[in-house]
């Protein structure tokens, strides 16, 4: 059963400092998720920790979790070039957006 009301879900893309790695994820709380990416568990083997993907460069807002998950999977299946095109149209300079959330 679906809950009634407004819910926020975000599909987001993180990168590393040199912008050579891209990570796509989905969350219902972008600010908290960014915190956990930046402060991983000490012995975590997470992709974002291994490749130091802590910098937000793209995000989309959805109100339905199924739609958000579908979009995340869609973007994950894209080529690097297609992801770069998406990011560049949202964030022309590929600025780190962590502080704007």
PDB file of N, CA and C in Angstrom:
ATOM      1  N   UNK A   1       0.838  -1.184   0.000  1.00  0.00           N
ATOM      2  CA  UNK A   1       0.000   0.000   0.000  1.00  0.00           C
ATOM      3  C   UNK A   1       0.883   1.248   0.000  1.00  0.00           C
ATOM      4  N   UNK A   2       0.581   2.176  -0.866  1.00  0.00           N
ATOM      5  CA  UNK A   2       1.328   3.435  -0.932  1.00  0.00           C
ATOM      6  C   UNK A   2       0.839   4.389   0.137  1.00  0.00           C
ATOM      7  N   UNK A   3       1.763   5.168   0.662  1.00  0.00           N
ATOM      8  CA  UNK A   3       1.370   6.200   1.612  1.00  0.00           C
ATOM      9  C   UNK A   3       0.841   7.403   0.847  1.00  0.00           C
ATOM     10  N   UNK A   4      -0.050   8.118   1.472  1.00  0.00           N
ATOM     11  CA  UNK A   4      -0.645   9.295   0.849  1.00  0.00           C
ATOM     12  C   UNK A   4       0.071  10.532   1.360  1.00  0.00           C
ATOM     13  N   UNK A   5       0.326  11.462   0.461  1.00  0.00           N
ATOM     14  CA  UNK A   5       0.988  12.702   0.845  1.00  0.00           C
ATOM     15  C   UNK A   5       2.166  12.981  -0.071  1.00  0.00           C
ATOM     16  N   UNK A   6       2.837  14.060   0.200  1.00  0.00           N
ATOM     17  CA  UNK A   6       3.991  14.436  -0.602  1.00  0.00           C
ATOM     18  C   UNK A   6       5.266  13.833  -0.023  1.00  0.00           C
ATOM     19  N   UNK A   7       6.030  13.217  -0.877  1.00  0.00           N
ATOM     20  CA  UNK A   7       7.307  12.649  -0.483  1.00  0.00           C
ATOM     21  C   UNK A   7       8.347  13.111  -1.492  1.00  0.00           C
ATOM     22  N   UNK A   8       9.545  13.313  -1.021  1.00  0.00           N
ATOM     23  CA  UNK A   8      10.626  13.740  -1.897  1.00  0.00           C
ATOM     24  C   UNK A   8      11.634  12.623  -2.059  1.00  0.00           C
ATOM     25  N   UNK A   9      11.991  12.347  -3.298  1.00  0.00           N
ATOM     26  CA  UNK A   9      13.018  11.371  -3.624  1.00  0.00           C
ATOM     27  C   UNK A   9      13.946  12.029  -4.627  1.00  0.00           C
ATOM     28  N   UNK A  10      15.220  11.801  -4.456  1.00  0.00           N
ATOM     29  CA  UNK A  10      16.216  12.430  -5.316  1.00  0.00           C
ATOM     30  C   UNK A  10      17.064  11.389  -6.006  1.00  0.00           C
ATOM     31  N   UNK A  11      17.279  11.596  -7.286  1.00  0.00           N
ATOM     32  CA  UNK A  11      18.299  10.870  -8.026  1.00  0.00           C
ATOM     33  C   UNK A  11      19.443  11.855  -8.136  1.00  0.00           C
ATOM     34  N   UNK A  12      20.648  11.395  -7.826  1.00  0.00           N
ATOM     35  CA  UNK A  12      21.776  12.313  -7.768  1.00  0.00           C
ATOM     36  C   UNK A  12      23.024  11.678  -8.361  1.00  0.00           C
ATOM     37  N   UNK A  13      23.939  12.536  -8.757  1.00  0.00           N
ATOM     38  CA  UNK A  13      25.224  12.080  -9.273  1.00  0.00           C
ATOM     39  C   UNK A  13      26.325  12.775  -8.482  1.00  0.00           C
ATOM     40  N   UNK A  14      27.257  11.961  -8.005  1.00  0.00           N
ATOM     41  CA  UNK A  14      28.439  12.454  -7.300  1.00  0.00           C
ATOM     42  C   UNK A  14      29.662  12.217  -8.163  1.00  0.00           C
ATOM     43  N   UNK A  15      30.698  12.979  -7.888  1.00  0.00           N
ATOM     44  CA  UNK A  15      31.976  12.783  -8.566  1.00  0.00           C
ATOM     45  C   UNK A  15      33.098  12.957  -7.551  1.00  0.00           C
ATOM     46  N   UNK A  16      34.310  12.674  -8.008  1.00  0.00           N
ATOM     47  CA  UNK A  16      35.482  12.890  -7.157  1.00  0.00           C
ATOM     48  C   UNK A  16      36.053  14.274  -7.444  1.00  0.00           C
ATOM     49  N   UNK A  17      37.108  14.630  -6.744  1.00  0.00           N
ATOM     50  CA  UNK A  17      37.676  15.980  -6.856  1.00  0.00           C
ATOM     51  C   UNK A  17      38.119  16.312  -8.282  1.00  0.00           C
ATOM     52  N   UNK A  18      38.664  15.324  -8.999  1.00  0.00           N
ATOM     53  CA  UNK A  18      39.154  15.558 -10.363  1.00  0.00           C
ATOM     54  C   UNK A  18      38.089  15.289 -11.434  1.00  0.00           C
ATOM     55  N   UNK A  19      36.887  14.933 -10.995  1.00  0.00           N
ATOM     56  CA  UNK A  19      35.733  14.718 -11.880  1.00  0.00           C
ATOM     57  C   UNK A  19      35.956  13.579 -12.876  1.00  0.00           C
ATOM     58  N   UNK A  20      36.674  12.552 -12.449  1.00  0.00           N
ATOM     59  CA  UNK A  20      36.953  11.411 -13.330  1.00  0.00           C
ATOM     60  C   UNK A  20      36.046  10.212 -13.075  1.00  0.00           C
ATOM     61  N   UNK A  21      35.339  10.209 -11.946  1.00  0.00           N
ATOM     62  CA  UNK A  21      34.459   9.096 -11.580  1.00  0.00           C
ATOM     63  C   UNK A  21      33.068   9.647 -11.340  1.00  0.00           C
ATOM     64  N   UNK A  22      32.045   8.907 -11.793  1.00  0.00           N
ATOM     65  CA  UNK A  22      30.659   9.302 -11.550  1.00  0.00           C
ATOM     66  C   UNK A  22      29.941   8.205 -10.790  1.00  0.00           C
ATOM     67  N   UNK A  23      29.150   8.601  -9.799  1.00  0.00           N
ATOM     68  CA  UNK A  23      28.342   7.675  -9.017  1.00  0.00           C
ATOM     69  C   UNK A  23      26.906   8.178  -9.035  1.00  0.00           C
ATOM     70  N   UNK A  24      25.970   7.295  -9.355  1.00  0.00           N
ATOM     71  CA  UNK A  24      24.553   7.649  -9.385  1.00  0.00           C
ATOM     72  C   UNK A  24      23.837   6.926  -8.251  1.00  0.00           C
ATOM     73  N   UNK A  25      22.992   7.671  -7.529  1.00  0.00           N
ATOM     74  CA  UNK A  25      22.247   7.077  -6.424  1.00  0.00           C
ATOM     75  C   UNK A  25      20.859   7.663  -6.316  1.00  0.00           C
ATOM     76  N   UNK A  26      20.081   7.096  -5.387  1.00  0.00           N
ATOM     77  CA  UNK A  26      18.725   7.576  -5.111  1.00  0.00           C
ATOM     78  C   UNK A  26      18.550   7.624  -3.597  1.00  0.00           C
ATOM     79  N   UNK A  27      17.837   8.626  -3.114  1.00  0.00           N
ATOM     80  CA  UNK A  27      17.618   8.790  -1.678  1.00  0.00           C
ATOM     81  C   UNK A  27      16.343   9.590  -1.434  1.00  0.00           C
ATOM     82  N   UNK A  28      15.844   9.512  -0.200  1.00  0.00           N
ATOM     83  CA  UNK A  28      14.697  10.342   0.161  1.00  0.00           C
ATOM     84  C   UNK A  28      15.127  11.540   0.996  1.00  0.00           C
ATOM     85  N   UNK A  29      16.428  11.629   1.298  1.00  0.00           N
ATOM     86  CA  UNK A  29      16.944  12.770   2.055  1.00  0.00           C
ATOM     87  C   UNK A  29      18.348  13.082   1.541  1.00  0.00           C
ATOM     88  N   UNK A  30      18.427  13.975   0.603  1.00  0.00           N
ATOM     89  CA  UNK A  30      19.692  14.257  -0.074  1.00  0.00           C
ATOM     90  C   UNK A  30      20.745  14.833   0.874  1.00  0.00           C
ATOM     91  N   UNK A  31      20.346  15.716   1.736  1.00  0.00           N
ATOM     92  CA  UNK A  31      21.302  16.332   2.664  1.00  0.00           C
ATOM     93  C   UNK A  31      21.938  15.273   3.583  1.00  0.00           C
ATOM     94  N   UNK A  32      21.120  14.414   4.162  1.00  0.00           N
ATOM     95  CA  UNK A  32      21.651  13.354   5.026  1.00  0.00           C
ATOM     96  C   UNK A  32      22.502  12.366   4.234  1.00  0.00           C
ATOM     97  N   UNK A  33      22.077  12.041   3.035  1.00  0.00           N
ATOM     98  CA  UNK A  33      22.833  11.076   2.220  1.00  0.00           C
ATOM     99  C   UNK A  33      24.212  11.632   1.880  1.00  0.00           C
ATOM    100  N   UNK A  34      24.288  12.910   1.559  1.00  0.00           N
ATOM    101  CA  UNK A  34      25.585  13.534   1.283  1.00  0.00           C
ATOM    102  C   UNK A  34      26.481  13.469   2.513  1.00  0.00           C
ATOM    103  N   UNK A  35      25.891  13.679   3.679  1.00  0.00           N
ATOM    104  CA  UNK A  35      26.659  13.590   4.913  1.00  0.00           C
ATOM    105  C   UNK A  35      27.258  12.191   5.062  1.00  0.00           C
ATOM    106  N   UNK A  36      26.462  11.159   4.838  1.00  0.00           N
ATOM    107  CA  UNK A  36      26.952   9.794   4.999  1.00  0.00           C
ATOM    108  C   UNK A  36      27.976   9.414   3.929  1.00  0.00           C
ATOM    109  N   UNK A  37      27.847   9.964   2.725  1.00  0.00           N
ATOM    110  CA  UNK A  37      28.886   9.725   1.705  1.00  0.00           C
ATOM    111  C   UNK A  37      30.197  10.372   2.149  1.00  0.00           C
ATOM    112  N   UNK A  38      30.120  11.537   2.757  1.00  0.00           N
ATOM    113  CA  UNK A  38      31.319  12.258   3.196  1.00  0.00           C
ATOM    114  C   UNK A  38      31.900  11.736   4.505  1.00  0.00           C
ATOM    115  N   UNK A  39      31.121  10.970   5.242  1.00  0.00           N
ATOM    116  CA  UNK A  39      31.543  10.439   6.540  1.00  0.00           C
ATOM    117  C   UNK A  39      31.230   8.946   6.618  1.00  0.00           C
ATOM    118  N   UNK A  40      31.872   8.139   5.776  1.00  0.00           N
ATOM    119  CA  UNK A  40      31.558   6.707   5.759  1.00  0.00           C
ATOM    120  C   UNK A  40      32.068   5.995   7.012  1.00  0.00           C
ATOM    121  N   UNK A  41      31.528   4.822   7.241  1.00  0.00           N
ATOM    122  CA  UNK A  41      31.989   3.982   8.348  1.00  0.00           C
ATOM    123  C   UNK A  41      33.485   3.725   8.172  1.00  0.00           C
ATOM    124  N   UNK A  42      34.238   3.586   9.256  1.00  0.00           N
ATOM    125  CA  UNK A  42      35.694   3.432   9.169  1.00  0.00           C
ATOM    126  C   UNK A  42      36.173   2.296   8.255  1.00  0.00           C
ATOM    127  N   UNK A  43      35.500   1.171   8.251  1.00  0.00           N
ATOM    128  CA  UNK A  43      35.956   0.038   7.442  1.00  0.00           C
ATOM    129  C   UNK A  43      35.054  -0.209   6.236  1.00  0.00           C
ATOM    130  N   UNK A  44      34.352   0.807   5.825  1.00  0.00           N
ATOM    131  CA  UNK A  44      33.441   0.706   4.697  1.00  0.00           C
ATOM    132  C   UNK A  44      34.188   0.382   3.404  1.00  0.00           C
ATOM    133  N   UNK A  45      33.561  -0.468   2.590  1.00  0.00           N
ATOM    134  CA  UNK A  45      34.119  -0.795   1.274  1.00  0.00           C
ATOM    135  C   UNK A  45      33.247  -0.182   0.183  1.00  0.00           C
ATOM    136  N   UNK A  46      32.520   0.850   0.525  1.00  0.00           N
ATOM    137  CA  UNK A  46      31.597   1.493  -0.401  1.00  0.00           C
ATOM    138  C   UNK A  46      32.335   2.107  -1.588  1.00  0.00           C
ATOM    139  N   UNK A  47      31.679   2.075  -2.736  1.00  0.00           N
ATOM    140  CA  UNK A  47      32.229   2.640  -3.967  1.00  0.00           C
ATOM    141  C   UNK A  47      32.630   4.094  -3.772  1.00  0.00           C
ATOM    142  N   UNK A  48      31.744   4.862  -3.146  1.00  0.00           N
ATOM    143  CA  UNK A  48      32.020   6.296  -3.000  1.00  0.00           C
ATOM    144  C   UNK A  48      33.217   6.568  -2.106  1.00  0.00           C
ATOM    145  N   UNK A  49      33.445   5.725  -1.120  1.00  0.00           N
ATOM    146  CA  UNK A  49      34.624   5.892  -0.273  1.00  0.00           C
ATOM    147  C   UNK A  49      35.882   5.500  -1.046  1.00  0.00           C
ATOM    148  N   UNK A  50      35.812   4.358  -1.719  1.00  0.00           N
ATOM    149  CA  UNK A  50      36.973   3.861  -2.465  1.00  0.00           C
ATOM    150  C   UNK A  50      37.444   4.864  -3.514  1.00  0.00           C
ATOM    151  N   UNK A  51      36.497   5.457  -4.242  1.00  0.00           N
ATOM    152  CA  UNK A  51      36.841   6.382  -5.324  1.00  0.00           C
ATOM    153  C   UNK A  51      36.694   7.852  -4.932  1.00  0.00           C
ATOM    154  N   UNK A  52      36.434   8.107  -3.661  1.00  0.00           N
ATOM    155  CA  UNK A  52      36.323   9.465  -3.120  1.00  0.00           C
ATOM    156  C   UNK A  52      35.291  10.327  -3.859  1.00  0.00           C
ATOM    157  N   UNK A  53      34.147   9.736  -4.116  1.00  0.00           N
ATOM    158  CA  UNK A  53      33.041  10.444  -4.769  1.00  0.00           C
ATOM    159  C   UNK A  53      32.177  11.096  -3.702  1.00  0.00           C
ATOM    160  N   UNK A  54      32.498  12.317  -3.384  1.00  0.00           N
ATOM    161  CA  UNK A  54      31.796  13.035  -2.322  1.00  0.00           C
ATOM    162  C   UNK A  54      31.137  14.316  -2.817  1.00  0.00           C
ATOM    163  N   UNK A  55      31.292  14.653  -4.079  1.00  0.00           N
ATOM    164  CA  UNK A  55      30.897  15.965  -4.594  1.00  0.00           C
ATOM    165  C   UNK A  55      29.649  15.871  -5.472  1.00  0.00           C
ATOM    166  N   UNK A  56      28.591  16.516  -5.034  1.00  0.00           N
ATOM    167  CA  UNK A  56      27.326  16.530  -5.762  1.00  0.00           C
ATOM    168  C   UNK A  56      27.444  17.442  -6.982  1.00  0.00           C
ATOM    169  N   UNK A  57      27.088  16.895  -8.150  1.00  0.00           N
ATOM    170  CA  UNK A  57      27.113  17.714  -9.365  1.00  0.00           C
ATOM    171  C   UNK A  57      25.786  17.693 -10.120  1.00  0.00           C
ATOM    172  N   UNK A  58      24.853  16.832  -9.668  1.00  0.00           N
ATOM    173  CA  UNK A  58      23.575  16.716 -10.368  1.00  0.00           C
ATOM    174  C   UNK A  58      22.532  16.133  -9.423  1.00  0.00           C
ATOM    175  N   UNK A  59      21.283  16.593  -9.553  1.00  0.00           N
ATOM    176  CA  UNK A  59      20.180  15.969  -8.823  1.00  0.00           C
ATOM    177  C   UNK A  59      18.853  16.264  -9.499  1.00  0.00           C
ATOM    178  N   UNK A  60      17.932  15.349  -9.326  1.00  0.00           N
ATOM    179  CA  UNK A  60      16.563  15.480  -9.816  1.00  0.00           C
ATOM    180  C   UNK A  60      15.622  15.151  -8.667  1.00  0.00           C
ATOM    181  N   UNK A  61      14.486  15.797  -8.610  1.00  0.00           N
ATOM    182  CA  UNK A  61      13.479  15.576  -7.570  1.00  0.00           C
ATOM    183  C   UNK A  61      12.302  14.791  -8.143  1.00  0.00           C
ATOM    184  N   UNK A  62      11.846  13.798  -7.359  1.00  0.00           N
ATOM    185  CA  UNK A  62      10.668  13.007  -7.711  1.00  0.00           C
ATOM    186  C   UNK A  62       9.766  12.921  -6.491  1.00  0.00           C
ATOM    187  N   UNK A  63       8.486  12.661  -6.712  1.00  0.00           N
ATOM    188  CA  UNK A  63       7.536  12.527  -5.612  1.00  0.00           C
ATOM    189  C   UNK A  63       7.070  11.086  -5.437  1.00  0.00           C
ATOM    190  N   UNK A  64       7.563  10.193  -6.288  1.00  0.00           N
ATOM    191  CA  UNK A  64       7.189   8.789  -6.251  1.00  0.00           C
ATOM    192  C   UNK A  64       8.458   7.943  -6.259  1.00  0.00           C
ATOM    193  N   UNK A  65       8.598   7.051  -5.296  1.00  0.00           N
ATOM    194  CA  UNK A  65       9.833   6.279  -5.158  1.00  0.00           C
ATOM    195  C   UNK A  65      10.070   5.370  -6.360  1.00  0.00           C
ATOM    196  N   UNK A  66       9.016   4.761  -6.900  1.00  0.00           N
ATOM    197  CA  UNK A  66       9.194   3.869  -8.049  1.00  0.00           C
ATOM    198  C   UNK A  66       9.737   4.620  -9.257  1.00  0.00           C
ATOM    199  N   UNK A  67       9.249   5.831  -9.464  1.00  0.00           N
ATOM    200  CA  UNK A  67       9.724   6.658 -10.577  1.00  0.00           C
ATOM    201  C   UNK A  67      11.185   7.042 -10.371  1.00  0.00           C
ATOM    202  N   UNK A  68      11.537   7.379  -9.147  1.00  0.00           N
ATOM    203  CA  UNK A  68      12.924   7.747  -8.840  1.00  0.00           C
ATOM    204  C   UNK A  68      13.863   6.560  -9.071  1.00  0.00           C
ATOM    205  N   UNK A  69      13.481   5.388  -8.609  1.00  0.00           N
ATOM    206  CA  UNK A  69      14.326   4.199  -8.791  1.00  0.00           C
ATOM    207  C   UNK A  69      14.461   3.858 -10.268  1.00  0.00           C
ATOM    208  N   UNK A  70      13.379   3.987 -11.002  1.00  0.00           N
ATOM    209  CA  UNK A  70      13.421   3.728 -12.450  1.00  0.00           C
ATOM    210  C   UNK A  70      14.395   4.687 -13.140  1.00  0.00           C
ATOM    211  N   UNK A  71      14.349   5.948 -12.748  1.00  0.00           N
ATOM    212  CA  UNK A  71      15.249   6.954 -13.337  1.00  0.00           C
ATOM    213  C   UNK A  71      16.701   6.677 -12.966  1.00  0.00           C
ATOM    214  N   UNK A  72      16.950   6.301 -11.713  1.00  0.00           N
ATOM    215  CA  UNK A  72      18.311   5.971 -11.290  1.00  0.00           C
ATOM    216  C   UNK A  72      18.866   4.834 -12.138  1.00  0.00           C
ATOM    217  N   UNK A  73      18.086   3.786 -12.321  1.00  0.00           N
ATOM    218  CA  UNK A  73      18.531   2.639 -13.129  1.00  0.00           C
ATOM    219  C   UNK A  73      18.774   3.048 -14.577  1.00  0.00           C
ATOM    220  N   UNK A  74      17.913   3.923 -15.090  1.00  0.00           N
ATOM    221  CA  UNK A  74      18.077   4.413 -16.459  1.00  0.00           C
ATOM    222  C   UNK A  74      19.420   5.122 -16.609  1.00  0.00           C
ATOM    223  N   UNK A  75      19.706   6.060 -15.707  1.00  0.00           N
ATOM    224  CA  UNK A  75      20.956   6.828 -15.776  1.00  0.00           C
ATOM    225  C   UNK A  75      22.156   5.915 -15.581  1.00  0.00           C
ATOM    226  N   UNK A  76      22.073   4.970 -14.650  1.00  0.00           N
ATOM    227  CA  UNK A  76      23.186   4.037 -14.421  1.00  0.00           C
ATOM    228  C   UNK A  76      23.526   3.246 -15.675  1.00  0.00           C
ATOM    229  N   UNK A  77      22.537   3.002 -16.526  1.00  0.00           N
ATOM    230  CA  UNK A  77      22.754   2.236 -17.747  1.00  0.00           C
ATOM    231  C   UNK A  77      23.345   3.045 -18.893  1.00  0.00           C
ATOM    232  N   UNK A  78      23.438   4.337 -18.731  1.00  0.00           N
ATOM    233  CA  UNK A  78      23.940   5.205 -19.785  1.00  0.00           C
ATOM    234  C   UNK A  78      25.456   5.156 -19.892  1.00  0.00           C
ATOM    235  N   UNK A  79      25.934   5.583 -21.035  1.00  0.00           N
ATOM    236  CA  UNK A  79      27.375   5.745 -21.246  1.00  0.00           C
ATOM    237  C   UNK A  79      27.867   6.973 -20.487  1.00  0.00           C
ATOM    238  N   UNK A  80      29.150   7.039 -20.291  1.00  0.00           N
ATOM    239  CA  UNK A  80      29.752   8.207 -19.624  1.00  0.00           C
ATOM    240  C   UNK A  80      29.413   9.482 -20.398  1.00  0.00           C
ATOM    241  N   UNK A  81      29.478   9.408 -21.710  1.00  0.00           N
ATOM    242  CA  UNK A  81      29.226  10.581 -22.552  1.00  0.00           C
ATOM    243  C   UNK A  81      27.798  11.112 -22.356  1.00  0.00           C
ATOM    244  N   UNK A  82      26.839  10.213 -22.273  1.00  0.00           N
ATOM    245  CA  UNK A  82      25.452  10.630 -22.089  1.00  0.00           C
ATOM    246  C   UNK A  82      25.245  11.236 -20.700  1.00  0.00           C
ATOM    247  N   UNK A  83      25.904  10.681 -19.686  1.00  0.00           N
ATOM    248  CA  UNK A  83      25.827  11.246 -18.336  1.00  0.00           C
ATOM    249  C   UNK A  83      26.458  12.633 -18.300  1.00  0.00           C
ATOM    250  N   UNK A  84      27.580  12.802 -18.985  1.00  0.00           N
ATOM    251  CA  UNK A  84      28.231  14.112 -19.043  1.00  0.00           C
ATOM    252  C   UNK A  84      27.318  15.148 -19.685  1.00  0.00           C
ATOM    253  N   UNK A  85      26.604  14.760 -20.722  1.00  0.00           N
ATOM    254  CA  UNK A  85      25.667  15.659 -21.394  1.00  0.00           C
ATOM    255  C   UNK A  85      24.561  16.085 -20.422  1.00  0.00           C
ATOM    256  N   UNK A  86      24.001  15.123 -19.685  1.00  0.00           N
ATOM    257  CA  UNK A  86      22.959  15.407 -18.701  1.00  0.00           C
ATOM    258  C   UNK A  86      23.464  16.388 -17.645  1.00  0.00           C
ATOM    259  N   UNK A  87      24.627  16.109 -17.098  1.00  0.00           N
ATOM    260  CA  UNK A  87      25.207  16.961 -16.052  1.00  0.00           C
ATOM    261  C   UNK A  87      25.470  18.361 -16.594  1.00  0.00           C
ATOM    262  N   UNK A  88      26.050  18.445 -17.776  1.00  0.00           N
ATOM    263  CA  UNK A  88      26.416  19.738 -18.361  1.00  0.00           C
ATOM    264  C   UNK A  88      25.218  20.643 -18.631  1.00  0.00           C
ATOM    265  N   UNK A  89      24.065  20.045 -18.903  1.00  0.00           N
ATOM    266  CA  UNK A  89      22.874  20.864 -19.124  1.00  0.00           C
ATOM    267  C   UNK A  89      22.224  21.307 -17.818  1.00  0.00           C
ATOM    268  N   UNK A  90      22.526  20.625 -16.760  1.00  0.00           N
ATOM    269  CA  UNK A  90      22.013  20.980 -15.435  1.00  0.00           C
ATOM    270  C   UNK A  90      22.987  21.890 -14.689  1.00  0.00           C
ATOM    271  N   UNK A  91      24.271  21.624 -14.865  1.00  0.00           N
ATOM    272  CA  UNK A  91      25.331  22.286 -14.101  1.00  0.00           C
ATOM    273  C   UNK A  91      26.498  22.532 -15.060  1.00  0.00           C
ATOM    274  N   UNK A  92      26.408  23.591 -15.817  1.00  0.00           N
ATOM    275  CA  UNK A  92      27.330  23.873 -16.923  1.00  0.00           C
ATOM    276  C   UNK A  92      28.796  23.791 -16.515  1.00  0.00           C
ATOM    277  N   UNK A  93      29.139  24.351 -15.381  1.00  0.00           N
ATOM    278  CA  UNK A  93      30.539  24.392 -14.929  1.00  0.00           C
ATOM    279  C   UNK A  93      30.936  23.184 -14.080  1.00  0.00           C
ATOM    280  N   UNK A  94      30.019  22.253 -13.884  1.00  0.00           N
ATOM    281  CA  UNK A  94      30.257  21.086 -13.024  1.00  0.00           C
ATOM    282  C   UNK A  94      30.708  21.531 -11.632  1.00  0.00           C
ATOM    283  N   UNK A  95      30.051  22.556 -11.125  1.00  0.00           N
ATOM    284  CA  UNK A  95      30.364  23.052  -9.785  1.00  0.00           C
ATOM    285  C   UNK A  95      29.887  22.043  -8.746  1.00  0.00           C
ATOM    286  N   UNK A  96      30.584  21.968  -7.628  1.00  0.00           N
ATOM    287  CA  UNK A  96      30.181  21.101  -6.533  1.00  0.00           C
ATOM    288  C   UNK A  96      29.020  21.768  -5.807  1.00  0.00           C
ATOM    289  N   UNK A  97      27.907  21.082  -5.693  1.00  0.00           N
ATOM    290  CA  UNK A  97      26.668  21.656  -5.188  1.00  0.00           C
ATOM    291  C   UNK A  97      26.363  21.290  -3.745  1.00  0.00           C
ATOM    292  N   UNK A  98      27.258  20.631  -3.071  1.00  0.00           N
ATOM    293  CA  UNK A  98      27.006  20.155  -1.709  1.00  0.00           C
ATOM    294  C   UNK A  98      26.494  21.248  -0.781  1.00  0.00           C
ATOM    295  N   UNK A  99      27.067  22.421  -0.879  1.00  0.00           N
ATOM    296  CA  UNK A  99      26.698  23.506   0.038  1.00  0.00           C
ATOM    297  C   UNK A  99      25.361  24.149  -0.304  1.00  0.00           C
ATOM    298  N   UNK A 100      24.788  23.837  -1.455  1.00  0.00           N
ATOM    299  CA  UNK A 100      23.522  24.433  -1.856  1.00  0.00           C
ATOM    300  C   UNK A 100      22.321  23.595  -1.416  1.00  0.00           C
ATOM    301  N   UNK A 101      22.572  22.433  -0.876  1.00  0.00           N
ATOM    302  CA  UNK A 101      21.490  21.523  -0.457  1.00  0.00           C
ATOM    303  C   UNK A 101      21.119  21.795   0.989  1.00  0.00           C
TER     304      UNK A 101
END
